[in-house]
Protein backbone atom coordinates (compact mmCIF):
# COMPACT_ATOMS: atom_id res chain seq x y z
CA MET A 1 121.96 111.64 124.27
CA PRO A 2 124.08 109.08 122.36
CA GLU A 3 126.13 110.26 119.42
CA GLU A 4 124.21 109.91 116.17
CA THR A 5 125.59 108.22 113.08
CA VAL A 6 124.21 108.62 109.60
CA ALA A 7 124.27 105.71 107.18
CA LYS A 8 125.07 106.79 103.62
CA PHE A 9 123.56 105.13 100.59
CA GLU A 10 123.82 105.77 96.90
CA VAL A 11 122.09 104.72 93.70
CA LYS A 12 124.34 104.23 90.70
CA LYS A 13 123.12 105.88 87.51
CA VAL A 14 124.28 104.29 84.27
CA SER A 15 124.19 105.83 80.80
CA ILE A 16 126.38 104.87 77.85
CA LEU A 17 124.72 106.05 74.63
CA ASP A 18 123.55 109.66 74.41
CA GLU A 19 120.81 111.15 72.24
CA ASP A 20 123.29 112.00 69.48
CA GLY A 21 124.56 108.44 69.20
CA ARG A 22 127.83 109.00 71.07
CA ALA A 23 128.89 106.15 73.36
CA ASP A 24 131.12 106.24 76.42
CA GLU A 25 133.67 103.68 75.25
CA LYS A 26 135.11 103.35 78.77
CA ILE A 27 132.01 101.57 80.01
CA MET A 28 130.65 100.29 76.70
CA PRO A 29 130.03 96.50 76.83
CA LYS A 30 132.05 94.39 74.41
CA LEU A 31 129.72 93.79 71.49
CA SER A 32 130.28 92.51 67.97
CA ASP A 33 128.75 94.27 64.97
CA LYS A 34 126.31 91.36 64.72
CA GLN A 35 125.17 91.83 68.33
CA ILE A 36 124.61 95.53 67.71
CA LYS A 37 122.59 94.72 64.60
CA ASP A 38 120.60 92.18 66.61
CA PHE A 39 119.61 94.95 69.02
CA TYR A 40 118.43 97.09 66.12
CA GLU A 41 116.57 94.31 64.32
CA TRP A 42 114.71 93.16 67.44
CA MET A 43 113.80 96.75 68.30
CA VAL A 44 112.43 97.36 64.81
CA LEU A 45 110.45 94.10 64.95
CA THR A 46 109.05 95.20 68.31
CA ARG A 47 107.90 98.52 66.87
CA VAL A 48 106.36 96.96 63.75
CA TYR A 49 104.54 94.34 65.82
CA ASP A 50 103.35 97.03 68.23
CA ASP A 51 102.01 99.25 65.46
CA LYS A 52 100.15 96.34 63.91
CA ALA A 53 98.69 95.24 67.24
CA VAL A 54 97.27 98.72 67.90
CA LYS A 55 95.69 98.75 64.43
CA LEU A 56 94.23 95.28 64.92
CA GLN A 57 92.60 96.42 68.15
CA ARG A 58 91.11 99.46 66.46
CA GLN A 59 89.64 97.13 63.84
CA GLY A 60 88.17 94.80 66.46
CA ARG A 61 90.51 91.95 65.54
CA ILE A 62 92.16 91.69 68.99
CA GLY A 63 91.16 92.95 72.43
CA THR A 64 92.65 95.68 74.62
CA TYR A 65 96.38 96.02 73.98
CA PRO A 66 99.22 97.84 75.85
CA SER A 67 101.66 99.52 73.49
CA MET A 68 105.44 99.15 73.83
CA LEU A 69 106.20 102.25 71.72
CA GLY A 70 109.25 104.11 73.05
CA GLN A 71 110.28 101.36 75.47
CA GLU A 72 112.06 99.11 72.97
CA ALA A 73 115.55 99.62 74.40
CA THR A 74 114.50 98.51 77.88
CA ILE A 75 112.61 95.49 76.55
CA ILE A 76 115.21 94.29 74.04
CA GLY A 77 118.27 95.28 76.08
CA SER A 78 116.90 93.12 78.88
CA GLY A 79 115.60 90.34 76.66
CA LEU A 80 118.94 89.73 74.96
CA ALA A 81 120.82 89.66 78.28
CA PHE A 82 119.19 86.48 79.57
CA ASP A 83 120.52 82.94 79.36
CA LYS A 84 118.09 80.30 78.10
CA LYS A 85 117.98 78.66 81.53
CA ASP A 86 116.91 81.86 83.32
CA TRP A 87 113.24 82.31 84.22
CA ILE A 88 111.22 85.43 83.41
CA PHE A 89 108.03 86.72 85.04
CA PRO A 90 106.76 89.59 82.86
CA SER A 91 104.03 92.13 83.39
CA PHE A 92 102.08 93.11 80.26
CA ARG A 93 104.44 95.35 78.28
CA GLU A 94 107.26 92.91 77.43
CA THR A 95 105.56 91.09 74.54
CA SER A 96 108.60 90.93 72.26
CA ILE A 97 110.67 89.11 74.91
CA TYR A 98 108.39 86.15 74.21
CA PHE A 99 109.64 86.22 70.61
CA ILE A 100 113.26 86.25 71.76
CA ARG A 101 112.46 83.21 73.92
CA GLY A 102 111.10 81.26 70.95
CA VAL A 103 107.36 81.77 71.38
CA GLU A 104 105.53 82.17 68.07
CA MET A 105 104.34 85.69 67.32
CA SER A 106 100.93 84.35 66.27
CA GLN A 107 100.47 83.03 69.81
CA LEU A 108 100.76 86.50 71.28
CA PHE A 109 98.23 87.88 68.80
CA GLN A 110 96.05 84.98 69.90
CA ALA A 111 96.54 85.90 73.56
CA TRP A 112 95.69 89.57 73.00
CA GLY A 113 92.71 88.33 70.99
CA GLY A 114 91.32 86.75 74.15
CA ASP A 115 92.18 83.15 73.30
CA GLY A 116 93.80 81.43 76.29
CA ARG A 117 95.60 78.99 74.01
CA GLY A 118 97.91 81.83 73.06
CA LEU A 119 99.55 81.64 76.47
CA SER A 120 100.04 77.88 76.43
CA LEU A 121 103.78 78.42 76.27
CA PRO A 122 106.50 75.93 75.34
CA ARG A 123 108.38 74.78 78.44
CA SER A 124 111.67 75.70 76.78
CA ALA A 125 110.69 79.40 76.90
CA ASN A 126 111.15 79.49 80.71
CA MET A 127 108.69 82.34 80.77
CA PHE A 128 105.42 82.82 82.62
CA PRO A 129 102.25 84.18 80.99
CA ILE A 130 101.39 87.87 80.78
CA ALA A 131 100.44 89.27 84.20
CA ILE A 132 97.67 91.86 84.03
CA PRO A 133 97.22 92.35 87.84
CA VAL A 134 99.68 95.07 88.84
CA GLY A 135 102.69 93.79 90.79
CA THR A 136 101.57 90.24 91.58
CA GLN A 137 104.20 88.64 89.33
CA THR A 138 107.04 90.02 91.46
CA LEU A 139 106.05 87.73 94.32
CA HIS A 140 105.86 84.76 91.97
CA ALA A 141 109.37 85.56 90.73
CA VAL A 142 110.82 85.76 94.22
CA GLY A 143 109.18 82.44 95.10
CA ALA A 144 110.72 80.82 92.03
CA ALA A 145 114.11 82.31 92.88
CA MET A 146 113.90 81.03 96.46
CA ALA A 147 113.06 77.56 95.09
CA ALA A 148 116.02 77.68 92.69
CA LYS A 149 118.33 78.58 95.56
CA LEU A 150 117.04 75.72 97.70
CA LYS A 151 117.53 73.29 94.82
CA GLY A 152 121.01 74.58 94.08
CA ASP A 153 120.12 75.60 90.51
CA LYS A 154 122.60 78.19 89.25
CA ILE A 155 120.04 80.31 87.46
CA ALA A 156 118.69 83.81 87.69
CA VAL A 157 115.02 84.83 87.82
CA ALA A 158 113.83 88.18 86.54
CA THR A 159 110.57 90.06 86.84
CA PHE A 160 109.28 93.18 85.09
CA PHE A 161 106.90 95.81 86.46
CA GLY A 162 106.02 99.46 85.94
CA ASP A 163 106.53 102.58 88.04
CA GLY A 164 102.93 102.40 89.26
CA ALA A 165 103.52 98.88 90.61
CA THR A 166 106.03 100.25 93.13
CA SER A 167 103.04 101.68 95.01
CA GLU A 168 101.59 98.18 95.42
CA GLY A 169 102.14 96.18 98.60
CA ASP A 170 103.00 93.12 96.50
CA VAL A 171 106.18 94.75 95.22
CA THR A 172 107.26 95.88 98.70
CA GLU A 173 106.70 92.35 100.02
CA ALA A 174 108.61 90.86 97.09
CA LEU A 175 111.57 93.18 97.68
CA ASN A 176 111.57 92.33 101.37
CA PHE A 177 111.53 88.56 100.83
CA ALA A 178 114.23 88.83 98.17
CA GLY A 179 116.47 90.80 100.50
CA VAL A 180 115.94 88.56 103.54
CA TYR A 181 116.55 85.33 101.63
CA LYS A 182 119.14 86.77 99.22
CA SER A 183 117.18 85.29 96.36
CA PRO A 184 118.76 85.16 92.87
CA VAL A 185 116.20 87.55 91.42
CA VAL A 186 116.47 90.71 89.31
CA PHE A 187 113.71 93.32 89.55
CA ILE A 188 113.45 95.23 86.25
CA ASN A 189 111.33 98.33 86.63
CA GLN A 190 110.08 99.94 83.43
CA ASN A 191 109.67 103.48 84.73
CA ASN A 192 107.77 104.93 81.78
CA GLN A 193 106.70 108.00 83.84
CA TRP A 194 102.95 107.29 83.81
CA ALA A 195 100.78 104.69 85.60
CA ILE A 196 97.74 105.26 83.38
CA SER A 197 96.94 108.90 84.28
CA VAL A 198 99.08 109.08 87.43
CA PRO A 199 102.52 110.69 86.87
CA ARG A 200 105.73 109.36 88.39
CA LYS A 201 105.93 112.28 90.84
CA ARG A 202 102.64 111.16 92.41
CA GLN A 203 103.87 107.58 92.99
CA THR A 204 106.56 108.37 95.53
CA ALA A 205 108.48 111.23 97.10
CA ALA A 206 111.71 109.25 96.64
CA GLU A 207 114.21 110.78 94.24
CA THR A 208 114.52 107.45 92.39
CA LEU A 209 112.56 104.22 92.30
CA ALA A 210 115.79 102.22 92.43
CA GLN A 211 116.47 103.40 95.97
CA LYS A 212 113.52 101.34 97.19
CA ALA A 213 115.93 98.41 97.13
CA ILE A 214 118.03 100.02 99.87
CA ALA A 215 115.39 99.49 102.56
CA ALA A 216 115.19 95.84 101.47
CA GLY A 217 118.93 95.47 101.94
CA PHE A 218 120.25 95.15 98.42
CA GLU A 219 121.56 97.10 95.43
CA GLY A 220 119.46 99.49 93.37
CA ILE A 221 120.68 100.86 90.03
CA GLN A 222 119.09 103.49 87.80
CA VAL A 223 119.76 103.17 84.08
CA ASP A 224 118.84 105.20 81.00
CA GLY A 225 116.04 102.98 79.70
CA ASN A 226 116.28 104.43 76.17
CA ASP A 227 119.94 103.37 75.96
CA VAL A 228 119.98 99.73 74.82
CA PHE A 229 123.68 99.31 75.65
CA ALA A 230 123.28 100.52 79.22
CA VAL A 231 120.21 98.35 79.82
CA TYR A 232 121.96 95.29 78.40
CA LYS A 233 125.11 95.85 80.46
CA VAL A 234 123.35 96.44 83.77
CA VAL A 235 120.85 93.60 83.37
CA LYS A 236 123.63 91.20 82.38
CA TYR A 237 125.63 92.27 85.44
CA ALA A 238 122.64 91.73 87.74
CA LEU A 239 121.85 88.31 86.26
CA GLU A 240 125.43 87.10 86.65
CA LYS A 241 125.48 88.42 90.21
CA ALA A 242 122.28 86.49 90.98
CA ARG A 243 123.61 83.25 89.48
CA LYS A 244 126.73 83.49 91.66
CA GLY A 245 124.58 83.68 94.79
CA ASN A 246 125.29 87.35 95.49
CA GLY A 247 121.69 88.36 95.95
CA PRO A 248 119.05 90.43 94.18
CA THR A 249 119.23 93.72 92.28
CA PHE A 250 116.63 96.38 91.53
CA ILE A 251 117.09 98.06 88.13
CA GLU A 252 115.09 101.17 87.37
CA CYS A 253 114.99 101.76 83.59
CA VAL A 254 114.04 105.39 83.00
CA THR A 255 112.07 105.41 79.76
CA TYR A 256 108.81 106.85 78.43
CA ARG A 257 105.45 105.54 77.33
CA MET A 258 104.99 107.25 73.97
CA ASN A 259 101.52 105.84 73.39
CA ASN A 260 98.38 105.57 75.49
CA HIS A 261 98.52 103.31 78.54
CA THR A 262 96.44 100.80 76.59
CA THR A 263 94.10 101.03 73.64
CA SER A 264 91.27 101.79 76.12
CA ASP A 265 93.05 104.95 77.32
CA ASP A 266 93.31 108.50 75.96
CA ALA A 267 96.51 110.16 77.19
CA LEU A 268 95.50 113.50 75.64
CA LYS A 269 93.15 113.99 78.57
CA TYR A 270 95.94 114.13 81.16
CA ARG A 271 99.32 114.49 79.44
CA ASP A 272 100.94 117.56 77.88
CA GLU A 273 101.95 116.95 74.26
CA LYS A 274 105.08 119.07 74.84
CA GLU A 275 106.32 116.34 77.17
CA VAL A 276 105.76 113.71 74.49
CA LYS A 277 107.65 115.80 71.92
CA LEU A 278 110.57 116.12 74.33
CA TRP A 279 110.80 112.34 74.70
CA GLU A 280 110.46 111.79 70.96
CA LYS A 281 113.93 113.33 70.67
CA ARG A 282 115.19 110.54 72.95
CA ASP A 283 113.78 107.78 70.76
CA PRO A 284 115.77 104.58 71.50
CA ILE A 285 115.83 103.33 67.90
CA ASP A 286 116.91 106.68 66.44
CA ARG A 287 119.67 106.87 69.04
CA LEU A 288 121.00 103.43 68.10
CA VAL A 289 120.84 104.24 64.38
CA LYS A 290 122.99 107.34 64.93
CA TYR A 291 125.58 105.20 66.71
CA MET A 292 125.52 102.54 63.99
CA LYS A 293 126.04 105.17 61.30
CA LYS A 294 129.08 106.49 63.15
CA LYS A 295 130.42 102.91 63.23
CA LYS A 296 129.60 102.53 59.52
CA ILE A 297 127.44 99.45 60.09
CA PHE A 298 124.20 101.04 58.93
CA THR A 299 122.94 101.86 55.44
CA GLU A 300 119.57 102.83 54.02
CA ASP A 301 119.50 99.53 52.13
CA TYR A 302 119.99 97.70 55.44
CA ARG A 303 117.22 99.76 57.06
CA LYS A 304 114.85 98.87 54.22
CA LYS A 305 115.63 95.13 54.37
CA VAL A 306 115.18 94.99 58.15
CA LEU A 307 111.85 96.81 57.95
CA GLU A 308 110.56 94.64 55.09
CA LYS A 309 111.54 91.46 56.93
CA ALA A 310 109.85 92.64 60.13
CA MET A 311 106.67 93.60 58.30
CA LYS A 312 106.50 90.22 56.56
CA MET A 313 107.01 88.36 59.85
CA VAL A 314 104.23 90.33 61.49
CA GLU A 315 101.79 89.96 58.59
CA ASP A 316 102.48 86.21 58.40
CA ALA A 317 101.83 85.95 62.15
CA VAL A 318 98.53 87.82 61.80
CA ALA A 319 97.45 85.52 58.98
CA LYS A 320 98.30 82.46 61.06
CA TYR A 321 96.47 83.84 64.10
CA GLU A 322 93.33 84.63 62.13
CA SER A 323 93.31 81.25 60.39
CA MET A 324 93.24 79.32 63.67
CA PRO A 325 90.02 77.43 64.45
CA PRO A 326 88.03 79.09 67.24
CA GLN A 327 88.46 77.90 70.79
CA LYS A 328 85.83 75.44 72.01
CA ILE A 329 83.10 77.26 73.88
CA GLU A 330 83.31 74.84 76.84
CA ASP A 331 86.97 75.75 77.38
CA ILE A 332 85.74 78.68 79.46
CA PHE A 333 85.22 76.11 82.22
CA ALA A 334 88.58 74.39 81.81
CA PHE A 335 91.53 74.85 84.17
CA THR A 336 89.42 76.38 86.97
CA TYR A 337 89.39 73.31 89.19
CA GLU A 338 90.85 69.84 88.87
CA LYS A 339 87.26 68.60 88.85
CA LEU A 340 84.34 70.89 88.08
CA THR A 341 81.93 71.63 90.92
CA PRO A 342 78.31 70.47 90.39
CA ASP A 343 77.04 74.02 89.73
CA LEU A 344 79.77 74.68 87.13
CA GLU A 345 79.10 71.30 85.53
CA GLU A 346 75.45 72.28 85.24
CA GLN A 347 76.34 75.66 83.73
CA LYS A 348 78.65 73.99 81.24
CA GLN A 349 75.92 71.60 80.13
CA ASP A 350 73.43 74.45 79.81
CA LEU A 351 75.90 76.31 77.60
CA LEU A 352 76.50 73.26 75.40
CA ASP A 353 72.77 72.64 75.07
CA SER A 354 72.25 76.30 74.16
CA GLU A 355 74.97 76.13 71.51
CA LYS A 356 73.48 72.93 70.12
CA GLY A 357 70.07 74.55 69.93
CA GLU A 358 71.45 77.57 68.09
CA GLY A 359 73.18 75.27 65.62
CA GLU A 360 69.95 73.41 64.83
CA LYS A 361 68.06 76.59 63.92
């Protein structure tokens, strides 16, 4: 029998900022006080927006909504690492990255309110619409990255997905294509421990999700997803690597979904509250505040001003969203085909006639 050899692989695990606000200065990215404040201000805005969105859904003013509570460091740490020319293919829990990319907040309220006009995005955003189907956007991202490589565009493409998506064939196929073609794509996995009611331990027997990149032939890194500095540093590294033509990277951000999966879910039916309390101590915003206080760049007056500004921005966005004229009823037929089929044309006319009749009563 031939002599056996064993290939050794490893997954790097990156953490910079601990729960008490202490940072490992040896690996801390170079950041100005303004950049650190930017992290904090965007994270607070994310939380205020998120809280308002949940309340709007409960009041029937928007539709089903997926909360970002507890995942702000992963979302903002990633969002602030991108260059404007990079392309982003999100899932459905990265709403505030749209704001970073210049999309109006009122548009996202509009989108969650069921109005398709809310996802008519400015081309300058370089961002695709919210993807509700689990995992499909990863294939779209790899395709875009392959196209960029063929065209010689020195950009990076990133895609976001949850821990549950790693059980989907789409993600496996996307990883495989990315590895084979050395596409300039970054896979950002928001491992929030729960895919609706299915825990992380039921998704895979693998020790980490990041190691799924190994079989595809490229680097996988696990990062503390509640540590905004670590997320920012690792995502920035992966994006620069992609732009230089050095292939894809899989980043597993270990975080926690503090809220229900969506507003149509009740996590109390399957999740132990003791687990939630444990993760509350790892709150990404509280952790950053502790660090900022140690650096003497945080005061209660500053906290108050940031919160008041965020609340005003959100309330103004809600007012703008709710003042928009309703979408035309016939728009339900738009954008399905270049030219409507005869049966859809007939249905459209029936709907318009029905609406006209109602209006004449």
